[in-house]
């Protein structure tokens, strides 16, 4: 199947963060080059940062999780993992979990999206389970908790909002010091670690509707239980909608916990969009996993 991708010349919003010398570490677990590039571009778009502000550690392409990667990092973001599970143990799992604990101990701002959300929870003593019967795919409603209504980031959200999702694994128990910020029929759609700049969202905070569409089409085989036929695929794709509040979340995270803690922090109104090229090259799809098929 030929998967349409957003034009490489699509604009990236030029924001006050561009004036800062930020160093953002992005941890990935994706093998196919096309989706590695797509995820990097998604984070650049949602963070409103140029791609050259990101350093990448891809644990499935030979980058060993190491404390060396934290040197100079202003923030750490952990993305999704199309063919890998936060429940399973791979050769890089133990060092990755150890790295997460060091990030938290050093109070480096940390944000996990979907698989990243689950990885942070597991590293800090919570529990994640493989639960295909409660898989969530496409755009779903989420509701803030009482803690979410007063949180520095989520207080800006309406009480109910839509978010893009794609996962078979889910958090079933938060770490002791974590506070639930959002939920739907399933708990723990978002959390924050008390007293630390650490957040996780089960939904994909880096995906708008168009990017979610790209990813669903590429990873359809990993969701063959949830997407058994073309009719179901069309229904899920047609249900995708703009998720305005979530689209601002990563940017708000960096502005709140990174930019405003630096002496040279710049605040102000967003400037008009400036073009930034993506590089969604490569045609190979992700390797199919066996029993588990997470987002």
Protein backbone atom coordinates (compact mmCIF):
# COMPACT_ATOMS: atom_id res chain seq x y z
CA UNK A 1 0.00 0.00 0.00
CA UNK A 2 1.24 3.47 -0.86
CA UNK A 3 0.88 5.66 2.21
CA UNK A 4 0.41 9.40 1.57
CA UNK A 5 2.63 11.59 3.72
CA UNK A 6 2.34 15.29 4.41
CA UNK A 7 4.26 17.36 1.90
CA UNK A 8 7.91 17.79 2.84
CA UNK A 9 7.52 21.56 2.56
CA UNK A 10 4.76 21.74 5.17
CA UNK A 11 5.34 24.70 7.50
CA UNK A 12 6.54 24.50 11.07
CA UNK A 13 5.34 27.26 13.37
CA UNK A 14 8.19 29.61 14.22
CA UNK A 15 7.97 30.13 17.97
CA UNK A 16 9.79 32.01 20.75
CA UNK A 17 11.65 28.75 21.46
CA UNK A 18 13.63 29.24 18.23
CA UNK A 19 15.57 32.07 19.85
CA UNK A 20 16.86 29.75 22.58
CA UNK A 21 19.81 27.37 22.40
CA UNK A 22 17.78 24.38 23.51
CA UNK A 23 19.14 20.85 23.38
CA UNK A 24 16.30 18.31 23.37
CA UNK A 25 17.04 14.59 23.57
CA UNK A 26 14.48 12.43 21.74
CA UNK A 27 14.46 8.72 22.57
CA UNK A 28 12.97 6.53 19.85
CA UNK A 29 12.24 2.83 19.33
CA UNK A 30 11.48 2.66 15.62
CA UNK A 31 13.34 0.75 12.92
CA UNK A 32 11.84 1.71 9.55
CA UNK A 33 13.59 4.85 8.33
CA UNK A 34 10.39 6.40 7.04
CA UNK A 35 8.72 6.20 10.46
CA UNK A 36 11.87 7.24 12.32
CA UNK A 37 11.86 10.43 10.25
CA UNK A 38 8.10 10.88 10.55
CA UNK A 39 8.20 10.72 14.34
CA UNK A 40 11.08 13.18 14.52
CA UNK A 41 9.15 15.60 12.34
CA UNK A 42 6.01 15.15 14.45
CA UNK A 43 7.90 16.14 17.61
CA UNK A 44 9.48 19.11 15.83
CA UNK A 45 6.03 20.28 14.73
CA UNK A 46 4.38 19.90 18.12
CA UNK A 47 7.35 21.36 20.03
CA UNK A 48 7.64 24.18 17.47
CA UNK A 49 11.37 23.63 17.26
CA UNK A 50 13.62 23.12 14.23
CA UNK A 51 14.94 19.60 13.76
CA UNK A 52 18.54 20.61 14.51
CA UNK A 53 17.59 21.27 18.15
CA UNK A 54 16.98 17.54 18.67
CA UNK A 55 19.53 14.85 19.44
CA UNK A 56 18.21 11.33 18.84
CA UNK A 57 18.86 8.07 20.65
CA UNK A 58 17.18 5.19 18.81
CA UNK A 59 17.43 2.12 21.02
CA UNK A 60 16.46 -0.35 18.29
CA UNK A 61 19.00 0.96 15.78
CA UNK A 62 22.10 0.46 17.89
CA UNK A 63 22.11 3.53 20.17
CA UNK A 64 22.84 2.32 23.67
CA UNK A 65 21.01 4.25 26.43
CA UNK A 66 23.80 5.94 28.37
CA UNK A 67 24.32 8.78 30.83
CA UNK A 68 26.57 10.39 28.21
CA UNK A 69 23.45 11.30 26.25
CA UNK A 70 22.19 13.46 29.13
CA UNK A 71 25.14 15.84 28.97
CA UNK A 72 23.81 19.23 27.96
CA UNK A 73 20.22 18.03 27.58
CA UNK A 74 17.63 20.66 28.52
CA UNK A 75 14.75 18.20 28.16
CA UNK A 76 14.12 14.56 27.24
CA UNK A 77 11.20 13.31 25.16
CA UNK A 78 10.33 9.63 24.68
CA UNK A 79 8.16 8.73 21.70
CA UNK A 80 6.12 5.75 20.59
CA UNK A 81 7.24 2.32 19.37
CA UNK A 82 5.33 0.77 16.49
CA UNK A 83 6.68 -2.76 16.84
CA UNK A 84 7.99 -2.82 20.39
CA UNK A 85 6.32 -3.23 23.77
CA UNK A 86 6.97 -1.56 27.10
CA UNK A 87 5.99 -4.88 28.70
CA UNK A 88 8.63 -6.98 26.96
CA UNK A 89 12.31 -7.11 27.88
CA UNK A 90 14.79 -6.43 25.09
CA UNK A 91 18.56 -6.15 25.37
CA UNK A 92 18.20 -2.38 25.71
CA UNK A 93 15.26 -2.36 28.17
CA UNK A 94 17.24 -2.43 31.44
CA UNK A 95 19.67 0.36 30.44
CA UNK A 96 16.77 2.45 29.13
CA UNK A 97 14.82 2.11 32.39
CA UNK A 98 17.98 2.98 34.31
CA UNK A 99 18.48 6.06 32.12
CA UNK A 100 14.92 7.20 32.85
CA UNK A 101 15.56 6.94 36.58
CA UNK A 102 18.70 9.07 36.21
CA UNK A 103 16.75 11.67 34.22
CA UNK A 104 14.19 11.89 37.02
CA UNK A 105 16.85 12.06 39.73
CA UNK A 106 18.61 14.90 37.91
CA UNK A 107 15.27 16.71 37.49
CA UNK A 108 15.72 17.07 33.75
CA UNK A 109 12.29 17.84 32.25
CA UNK A 110 10.93 14.56 30.86
CA UNK A 111 7.85 13.86 28.71
CA UNK A 112 6.71 10.44 27.51
CA UNK A 113 4.14 9.92 24.76
CA UNK A 114 2.31 6.56 24.48
CA UNK A 115 5.15 3.99 24.69
CA UNK A 116 7.25 6.67 26.38
CA UNK A 117 4.47 7.16 28.96
CA UNK A 118 4.55 3.43 29.67
CA UNK A 119 8.36 3.29 29.85
CA UNK A 120 8.48 6.05 32.46
CA UNK A 121 5.82 4.32 34.53
CA UNK A 122 7.65 1.01 34.43
CA UNK A 123 11.02 2.60 35.25
CA UNK A 124 9.58 4.25 38.36
CA UNK A 125 7.85 1.19 39.77
CA UNK A 126 4.38 1.31 38.19
CA UNK A 127 2.83 -1.49 36.13
CA UNK A 128 2.11 -1.84 32.42
CA UNK A 129 0.13 -4.69 30.88
CA UNK A 130 -0.54 -6.02 27.40
CA UNK A 131 -4.31 -5.62 27.02
CA UNK A 132 -5.51 -5.98 23.41
CA UNK A 133 -9.15 -6.18 24.54
CA UNK A 134 -8.90 -2.55 25.60
CA UNK A 135 -6.77 -1.31 22.71
CA UNK A 136 -7.46 2.30 21.69
CA UNK A 137 -7.00 3.45 18.12
CA UNK A 138 -7.93 6.69 16.43
CA UNK A 139 -9.41 9.77 18.08
CA UNK A 140 -10.95 9.31 21.55
CA UNK A 141 -12.45 11.50 24.23
CA UNK A 142 -10.44 12.10 27.41
CA UNK A 143 -11.47 13.88 30.61
CA UNK A 144 -9.37 15.72 33.17
CA UNK A 145 -9.26 14.59 36.78
CA UNK A 146 -9.50 17.01 39.70
CA UNK A 147 -5.69 17.12 39.74
CA UNK A 148 -5.66 17.83 36.01
CA UNK A 149 -7.87 20.89 36.48
CA UNK A 150 -5.18 22.57 38.60
CA UNK A 151 -2.10 21.24 36.82
CA UNK A 152 0.33 23.73 35.25
CA UNK A 153 -0.24 22.26 31.78
CA UNK A 154 -3.67 20.61 31.84
CA UNK A 155 -5.52 23.49 33.48
CA UNK A 156 -5.55 25.07 30.00
CA UNK A 157 -7.54 22.14 28.59
CA UNK A 158 -11.34 21.95 28.51
CA UNK A 159 -12.81 19.37 30.86
CA UNK A 160 -13.29 16.94 27.97
CA UNK A 161 -11.02 16.88 24.93
CA UNK A 162 -10.13 14.60 22.04
CA UNK A 163 -6.77 12.93 21.59
CA UNK A 164 -5.17 10.63 19.02
CA UNK A 165 -4.31 7.14 20.23
CA UNK A 166 -2.81 3.85 19.16
CA UNK A 167 -1.83 1.26 21.76
CA UNK A 168 -2.33 -2.31 22.98
CA UNK A 169 -0.27 -1.97 26.16
CA UNK A 170 -1.60 0.25 28.91
CA UNK A 171 -0.68 1.51 32.38
CA UNK A 172 -2.61 -0.29 35.13
CA UNK A 173 -0.79 1.17 38.14
CA UNK A 174 1.06 4.46 38.50
CA UNK A 175 4.31 4.91 40.44
CA UNK A 176 3.85 5.96 44.06
CA UNK A 177 4.63 9.65 43.50
CA UNK A 178 2.62 10.01 40.27
CA UNK A 179 -0.70 11.86 40.03
CA UNK A 180 -3.36 10.99 37.45
CA UNK A 181 -4.27 14.02 35.34
CA UNK A 182 -6.66 12.57 32.73
CA UNK A 183 -8.69 9.45 32.03
CA UNK A 184 -11.58 8.04 30.03
CA UNK A 185 -13.13 4.59 30.41
CA UNK A 186 -9.54 3.52 31.00
CA UNK A 187 -7.50 5.15 33.73
CA UNK A 188 -4.14 6.84 33.51
CA UNK A 189 -4.40 8.65 30.19
CA UNK A 190 -2.00 11.24 31.61
CA UNK A 191 0.07 11.69 34.74
CA UNK A 192 2.63 13.94 36.38
CA UNK A 193 5.26 13.07 38.93
CA UNK A 194 4.73 15.15 42.06
CA UNK A 195 7.41 17.77 42.56
CA UNK A 196 9.23 16.84 39.35
CA UNK A 197 9.02 18.10 35.74
CA UNK A 198 7.93 14.66 34.52
CA UNK A 199 4.80 13.99 32.44
CA UNK A 200 3.36 11.09 30.50
CA UNK A 201 0.36 10.77 28.19
CA UNK A 202 -1.08 7.50 26.92
CA UNK A 203 -2.37 9.41 23.90
CA UNK A 204 0.05 10.59 21.23
CA UNK A 205 0.84 14.19 22.13
CA UNK A 206 3.02 14.50 19.02
CA UNK A 207 0.28 13.59 16.52
CA UNK A 208 -2.32 15.77 14.88
CA UNK A 209 -5.08 14.15 12.82
CA UNK A 210 -3.09 14.08 9.59
CA UNK A 211 -0.03 12.53 11.23
CA UNK A 212 -2.24 9.96 12.97
CA UNK A 213 -3.66 9.00 9.60
CA UNK A 214 -0.17 8.44 8.21
CA UNK A 215 0.76 6.24 11.14
CA UNK A 216 -2.43 4.15 11.13
CA UNK A 217 -1.95 3.33 7.46
CA UNK A 218 1.66 2.28 7.99
CA UNK A 219 1.01 0.25 11.14
CA UNK A 220 -2.31 -1.26 10.10
CA UNK A 221 -0.92 -4.82 10.28
CA UNK A 222 0.00 -4.28 13.92
CA UNK A 223 -3.67 -3.52 14.60
CA UNK A 224 -5.30 -6.26 12.57
CA UNK A 225 -7.53 -7.15 15.54
CA UNK A 226 -8.79 -3.57 15.83
CA UNK A 227 -8.77 -2.99 12.05
CA UNK A 228 -10.07 -6.28 10.61
CA UNK A 229 -11.38 -4.86 7.33
CA UNK A 230 -11.33 -1.80 5.09
CA UNK A 231 -14.68 -0.59 6.39
CA UNK A 232 -13.30 -0.38 9.92
CA UNK A 233 -10.19 1.40 8.67
CA UNK A 234 -12.33 4.01 6.91
CA UNK A 235 -14.47 4.51 10.00
CA UNK A 236 -11.41 5.11 12.21
CA UNK A 237 -9.82 7.45 9.69
CA UNK A 238 -13.05 9.40 9.18
CA UNK A 239 -13.36 9.83 12.94
CA UNK A 240 -10.02 11.62 13.20
CA UNK A 241 -10.42 15.24 14.20
CA UNK A 242 -8.27 18.21 15.09
CA UNK A 243 -7.07 17.97 18.69
CA UNK A 244 -6.25 21.60 19.32
CA UNK A 245 -5.52 21.31 23.03
CA UNK A 246 -3.19 18.35 22.62
CA UNK A 247 -1.44 20.02 19.70
CA UNK A 248 -0.15 22.65 22.14
CA UNK A 249 0.88 20.30 24.96
CA UNK A 250 4.52 19.61 24.08
CA UNK A 251 5.13 23.27 23.29
CA UNK A 252 3.55 24.29 26.61
CA UNK A 253 5.71 21.70 28.38
CA UNK A 254 8.92 23.18 26.97
CA UNK A 255 7.80 26.76 27.60
CA UNK A 256 6.83 25.97 31.21
CA UNK A 257 9.66 23.71 32.35
CA UNK A 258 12.57 24.61 30.06
CA UNK A 259 12.40 28.04 28.42
CA UNK A 260 11.16 29.95 31.45
CA UNK A 261 13.85 28.49 33.70
CA UNK A 262 16.64 29.85 31.52
CA UNK A 263 18.00 33.38 32.02
CA UNK A 264 17.64 34.12 28.32
CA UNK A 265 14.04 32.92 28.19
CA UNK A 266 11.98 34.71 25.58
CA UNK A 267 8.23 35.04 25.76
CA UNK A 268 5.88 36.48 23.25
CA UNK A 269 3.30 35.94 20.56
CA UNK A 270 3.90 33.22 17.98
CA UNK A 271 5.27 34.48 14.70
CA UNK A 272 3.87 33.40 11.30
CA UNK A 273 4.75 29.89 10.14
CA UNK A 274 8.12 29.36 8.50
CA UNK A 275 8.75 26.34 6.26
CA UNK A 276 10.83 23.45 7.57
CA UNK A 277 11.48 20.42 5.42
CA UNK A 278 10.69 16.95 6.65
CA UNK A 279 12.54 13.96 5.26
CA UNK A 280 10.00 11.07 5.15
CA UNK A 281 12.15 8.93 2.87
CA UNK A 282 12.49 5.18 2.86
CA UNK A 283 9.82 2.75 1.78
CA UNK A 284 10.19 -0.15 4.16
CA UNK A 285 7.48 -0.73 6.74
CA UNK A 286 8.20 -1.62 10.37
CA UNK A 287 9.05 -5.22 11.26
CA UNK A 288 6.01 -7.09 12.47
CA UNK A 289 6.25 -8.26 16.05
CA UNK A 290 4.87 -11.54 17.21
CA UNK A 291 2.41 -11.68 20.04
CA UNK A 292 2.42 -8.01 21.01
CA UNK A 293 1.58 -5.19 18.64
CA UNK A 294 1.83 -1.85 20.52
CA UNK A 295 1.65 1.68 19.13
